Amino acid sequence: MAAPAPSPATMTPLLGWYASAARDLPWRRPDFHAAFGAWGVLVSEFMLQQTPVTRVIPHLDAWLARWPTPLAMAAASTADVVQQWANLGYPRRALWLHRAAVEVVERHGGVVPRDVDALLALSGIGDYTARAVAVFAYGDRHPVVDTNTRRVLARAVEGRAQPGSPSRRDLALMAALLPADPAEAAVLNAAAMELGATICTSRAPRCERCPLADGCAWLAAGRPDTGDERRRQAAYEGSDRQARGAVLRLLRAAAPAAVPLTAVLPDWPDVRQRDRAIDSLIADGLAEADGEGLSLPR
């Protein structure tokens, strides 16, 4: 017998749970939306990609204090943007956010667009971020699916311990579970992410506290180990990412001056890795090399 089609009733308990259990995060506060609107949501979503909330919050506050609008950020230099990104990791996000700000100014008069296709056309924005802005900034009805949501869907609806590889199917499944009312749909999107982040966690889910426990397919099946197809991220220690981060820290500390190439991590244990890091930073537009040495882009 085929499994029943997913229904919004499956996720309804999340609405009441979220009202009392949601963490107090800056981008959820009315005063944040009043001050920064869709731009604040866009910046927060860029920063939250692959980065814990606790690391993002102080950087977000500083970023929006310096560049409270797309117009303000579009006028900034690339060096200032990379410097301000500091240790958030994956610094290409800073360049993409800067380009997106320029595009918002040039294409949309300085107003972050509402339309998902227009958002997708901006630098560094994919399915998740485009829909997150449309939903959480503008209140439109779209499925918003991040890693946490995918895990909740895999367990509660499909009976699997871990989600498979990301696909458009995730959006279709979440869309089928959303209430018809846009405001309730927005809450459900946020609630599914919150549940995955705080209760339905990857390694130690707290099923006894889950509002979906009574209807969870995975829990009903006895929490079987159905395998894990997720791609594993390489260890940071000893990686090219670590070398890139070390070079960028050196350049930020020296900015706006350049660092002689002979002084760029001369004691790094793997010289070829250091050189790859330098070359890749230059290729990505995160560093510049000239007669004076290596520096942040000017």
Foldseek 3Di string as FASTA:
>chain_A
DDDDADALVLLVLLLVVCVPPPDDALLQDPVSCVQQFLLLLLVLVLLPVVFDRVVVRVLSVVVCVQPSFLVSLLPDDQLVQLLSCAPSAPSLSSVQSNQLSVCCCVPPVRDQDLDLVVNCPGGPDDDQSSVSSNCSRVLAAFAHDDLLLQCQCCWQPVQALHHADDDCVSRVSLSNNADPHSNRSSSSNVSSSRCSVPASDNPDHPLVPDSSNVRTNNVVVVNDHPDDNDDDDDDPVPDLSVLLSQQSVVQSVVPPAADAQCPRPVPPPDVVSNVVSQVVCVVSQQWDQDPRHIHGHD
